[in-house]
Amino acid sequence: MGAQVCLMRGFELRVDARPVVVSQNAQRVLAFLALRDRPQRRTTVASALWTDSTEDRAAANLRTALWKLSDLRDRLVRSAGTYLSLCPDVDVDLSRLMQRTRRLQDSALDDGTGDAVVPADVAAHVGELSADLLPDWDEDWLVFERERLRQYRIHALETLCRRLVRSGRFGDAVDAGLSAVESEPLRESAQRVLIEAHLAEGNVSEARRQFDRYRTMLWDDMGLLPTVPLWTLVGVLRPE
């Protein structure tokens, strides 16, 4: 069955389909390695995880964290000289999500019959895309990873929304669009796909209401107006 490291919605380690409790520092080491696509120097891992410690103390903390994994260490972490990485057969939920979403974005718009290519279980896919990366952790090294995931998530939700509109699944399209807007309310491309979904379903009033909310929020927060194409989409002239 193997081992699985879960990072979305919170850390969880499962070995042979059973939850396993490990120390907080061991969790941090596993999460750090899970977010890297190549082996990391021990010094890099130690300095990133223990920024307030001396080099020697950080190295000692890393050794202790690995030692506390006990019998699981060889199943989870590969050590090659001065480099560490997760073992290749360790499953990481974030990696699977990124792979599935990348396949969706890279695939053809339709399957050759005119039907849009969309995931089999749209609700589950939207739920996965809407999850946060280790939301309860306050770690400097997670800031960049969270922002990268946020950008990837929004692009994926926008793509999914457009494909669902093309397939005529307007309810699912609106759900995906709402999730994109929730991730970044001031992002015009997210607002646009949601408004397009409302219009495609024939709900002009919903589209106009969403546009008005966005226009007000954008002006109140940033003193800006939506771009001309968005005004045109809802059939409203932009004020000069």
Foldseek 3Di string as FASTA:
>chain_A
DAWEFEFWQATWIDGPNHTDDFDPLLSLLLVVQVLDPDWDFLQVSLCQFCVPDDSVVSSVSVVVSLVRCPPCNVRFWDDDPRTIHGPPPYHYPVVVLVVVLVCLVPDDQPDVPQQGDADPDLVVNLVRLLTFGNVVDDGPVCPVVRVVSLVSSLVSLLSRLVNCLSNVVLVSSLVSLVSSCVSPVQDVSSLQSNLVSCVSVVNLVVSVVSQVVNQVVCCVPPVDGDDQVSCVVSPHGDDD
